C-alpha atoms as a PDB file:
ATOM      1  CA  MET A   1       3.313 -11.616  -5.566  1.00  0.00           C
ATOM      2  CA  MET A   2       0.310  -9.389  -6.125  1.00  0.00           C
ATOM      3  CA  THR A   3      -0.058  -6.435  -3.794  1.00  0.00           C
ATOM      4  CA  VAL A   4      -3.399  -5.045  -2.670  1.00  0.00           C
ATOM      5  CA  ILE A   5      -2.780  -2.102  -4.998  1.00  0.00           C
ATOM      6  CA  GLN A   6      -2.236  -4.364  -8.017  1.00  0.00           C
ATOM      7  CA  TYR A   7      -5.317  -6.401  -7.145  1.00  0.00           C
ATOM      8  CA  LEU A   8      -7.537  -3.358  -6.838  1.00  0.00           C
ATOM      9  CA  PHE A   9      -6.279  -1.727 -10.020  1.00  0.00           C
ATOM     10  CA  ARG A  10      -6.967  -4.958 -11.875  1.00  0.00           C
ATOM     11  CA  GLY A  11     -10.618  -4.166 -11.296  1.00  0.00           C
ATOM     12  CA  ASP A  12     -11.551  -7.194  -9.208  1.00  0.00           C
ATOM     13  CA  GLY A  13     -11.666  -5.305  -5.952  1.00  0.00           C
ATOM     14  CA  ASN A  14     -13.252  -1.989  -6.799  1.00  0.00           C
ATOM     15  CA  ASP A  15     -15.893  -0.382  -8.975  1.00  0.00           C
ATOM     16  CA  GLY A  16     -13.599  -0.223 -12.019  1.00  0.00           C
ATOM     17  CA  ASP A  17     -13.203   3.559 -12.021  1.00  0.00           C
ATOM     18  CA  GLY A  18      -9.394   3.414 -11.854  1.00  0.00           C
ATOM     19  CA  ILE A  19      -9.296   5.035  -8.420  1.00  0.00           C
ATOM     20  CA  ILE A  20      -8.808   3.196  -5.148  1.00  0.00           C
ATOM     21  CA  THR A  21     -10.721   4.826  -2.333  1.00  0.00           C
ATOM     22  CA  CYS A  22      -9.937   4.427   1.347  1.00  0.00           C
ATOM     23  CA  ASP A  23     -12.977   2.166   1.749  1.00  0.00           C
ATOM     24  CA  GLU A  24     -11.851  -0.082  -1.128  1.00  0.00           C
ATOM     25  CA  TYR A  25      -8.302  -0.294   0.166  1.00  0.00           C
ATOM     26  CA  VAL A  26      -9.316  -1.040   3.755  1.00  0.00           C
ATOM     27  CA  ARG A  27     -11.810  -3.676   2.607  1.00  0.00           C
ATOM     28  CA  HIS A  28      -9.065  -5.614   0.780  1.00  0.00           C
ATOM     29  CA  SER A  29      -6.174  -5.002   3.165  1.00  0.00           C
ATOM     30  CA  SER A  30      -5.178  -7.520   5.798  1.00  0.00           C
ATOM     31  CA  SER A  31      -3.973  -4.675   8.039  1.00  0.00           C
ATOM     32  CA  PRO A  32      -6.138  -3.177  10.774  1.00  0.00           C
ATOM     33  CA  HIS A  33      -8.292  -0.255   9.602  1.00  0.00           C
ATOM     34  CA  ASP A  34      -6.130   2.606  10.981  1.00  0.00           C
ATOM     35  CA  ILE A  35      -2.898   1.083   9.686  1.00  0.00           C
ATOM     36  CA  ALA A  36      -4.422   0.438   6.247  1.00  0.00           C
ATOM     37  CA  LEU A  37      -5.555   4.067   6.034  1.00  0.00           C
ATOM     38  CA  GLY A  38      -2.120   5.281   7.101  1.00  0.00           C
ATOM     39  CA  VAL A  39      -0.429   3.122   4.477  1.00  0.00           C
ATOM     40  CA  LEU A  40      -2.741   4.292   1.690  1.00  0.00           C
ATOM     41  CA  ASN A  41      -2.330   7.914   2.710  1.00  0.00           C
ATOM     42  CA  GLN A  42       1.464   7.547   2.345  1.00  0.00           C
ATOM     43  CA  PHE A  43       0.840   7.205  -1.400  1.00  0.00           C
ATOM     44  CA  ASN A  44      -2.071   9.508  -2.164  1.00  0.00           C
ATOM     45  CA  GLY A  45      -1.447  12.718  -0.255  1.00  0.00           C
ATOM     46  CA  GLY A  46      -4.183  11.967   2.261  1.00  0.00           C
ATOM     47  CA  ASP A  47      -7.159  12.519  -0.043  1.00  0.00           C
ATOM     48  CA  CYS A  48      -8.485   8.919   0.227  1.00  0.00           C
ATOM     49  CA  LYS A  49      -8.174   8.443  -3.527  1.00  0.00           C
ATOM     50  CA  LEU A  50      -5.285   6.599  -5.142  1.00  0.00           C
ATOM     51  CA  THR A  51      -5.100   6.980  -8.905  1.00  0.00           C
ATOM     52  CA  HIS A  52      -3.505   4.463 -11.216  1.00  0.00           C
ATOM     53  CA  ASP A  53      -0.530   6.809 -11.750  1.00  0.00           C
ATOM     54  CA  GLU A  54      -0.027   7.191  -7.986  1.00  0.00           C
ATOM     55  CA  GLY A  55      -0.165   3.404  -7.671  1.00  0.00           C
ATOM     56  CA  LEU A  56       2.479   2.982 -10.371  1.00  0.00           C
ATOM     57  CA  VAL A  57       4.798   5.413  -8.594  1.00  0.00           C
ATOM     58  CA  SER A  58       4.363   3.372  -5.427  1.00  0.00           C
ATOM     59  CA  TYR A  59       4.989   0.128  -7.306  1.00  0.00           C
ATOM     60  CA  HIS A  60       8.225   1.475  -8.815  1.00  0.00           C
ATOM     61  CA  HIS A  61       9.394   2.577  -5.354  1.00  0.00           C
ATOM     62  CA  MET A  62       8.723  -0.939  -4.065  1.00  0.00           C
ATOM     63  CA  ASP A  63      10.696  -2.509  -6.922  1.00  0.00           C
ATOM     64  CA  GLY A  64      14.045  -2.024  -5.231  1.00  0.00           C
ATOM     65  CA  ASN A  65      16.237  -3.442  -8.004  1.00  0.00           C
ATOM     66  CA  GLY A  66      14.217  -1.847 -10.818  1.00  0.00           C
ATOM     67  CA  ASP A  67      13.670  -5.066 -12.771  1.00  0.00           C
ATOM     68  CA  GLY A  68       9.907  -4.505 -13.097  1.00  0.00           C
ATOM     69  CA  ILE A  69       9.141  -7.546 -10.951  1.00  0.00           C
ATOM     70  CA  LEU A  70       8.088  -7.015  -7.365  1.00  0.00           C
ATOM     71  CA  GLN A  71       9.740  -9.656  -5.227  1.00  0.00           C
ATOM     72  CA  GLU A  72       8.319 -10.570  -1.834  1.00  0.00           C
ATOM     73  CA  MET A  73      11.333  -9.167   0.036  1.00  0.00           C
ATOM     74  CA  GLU A  74      11.137  -5.893  -1.903  1.00  0.00           C
ATOM     75  CA  PHE A  75       7.508  -5.536  -0.847  1.00  0.00           C
ATOM     76  CA  ILE A  76       8.274  -6.442   2.765  1.00  0.00           C
ATOM     77  CA  ASN A  77      11.184  -3.995   2.967  1.00  0.00           C
ATOM     78  CA  PHE A  78       9.098  -1.206   1.464  1.00  0.00           C
ATOM     79  CA  TYR A  79       6.136  -1.942   3.753  1.00  0.00           C
ATOM     80  CA  ILE A  80       8.376  -1.916   6.837  1.00  0.00           C
ATOM     81  CA  GLN A  81       9.700   1.498   5.773  1.00  0.00           C
ATOM     82  CA  VAL A  82       6.139   2.786   5.373  1.00  0.00           C
ATOM     83  CA  LEU A  83       5.271   1.497   8.856  1.00  0.00           C
ATOM     84  CA  LYS A  84       8.372   3.226  10.233  1.00  0.00           C
ATOM     85  CA  ASN A  85       7.255   6.462   8.547  1.00  0.00           C
ATOM     86  CA  LEU A  86       3.927   6.060  10.322  1.00  0.00           C
ATOM     87  CA  GLY A  87       5.685   5.522  13.656  1.00  0.00           C
ATOM     88  CA  LEU A  88       4.308   1.995  13.909  1.00  0.00           C
ATOM     89  CA  THR A  89       7.516   0.003  14.275  1.00  0.00           C
ATOM     90  CA  ASP A  90      10.346  -0.262  16.715  1.00  0.00           C
ATOM     91  CA  HIS A  91      13.197  -2.384  15.362  1.00  0.00           C
ATOM     92  CA  GLY A  92      10.819  -4.115  12.977  1.00  0.00           C
ATOM     93  CA  HIS A  93       8.033  -4.815  15.457  1.00  0.00           C
ATOM     94  CA  THR A  94       4.646  -3.128  15.497  1.00  0.00           C
ATOM     95  CA  THR A  95       4.372  -0.782  18.459  1.00  0.00           C
ATOM     96  CA  LYS A  96       0.765   0.360  18.152  1.00  0.00           C
ATOM     97  CA  SER A  97      -2.347  -1.715  17.849  1.00  0.00           C
ATOM     98  CA  THR A  98      -5.665  -0.648  16.383  1.00  0.00           C
END
């Protein structure tokens, strides 16, 4: 499973500079704009720029069993935790809409 971050760092989804901007991330995310920005800002310190190194740190956090392969459930579990950190879930269900 390829995440938005992996896709963008591959170079297909951005200008190839090795940095994912908020605009690039939102454009390729299936999440609503405000949620996509909140998710990206969980990884980049809120500066609207995600470097390759920051993306790798995020990827390794998602890889729950540390085998170097991101399984769908690992991604889902990580994403749910991010949404909880943003205050967007209540028992696994989205509580805010944008």
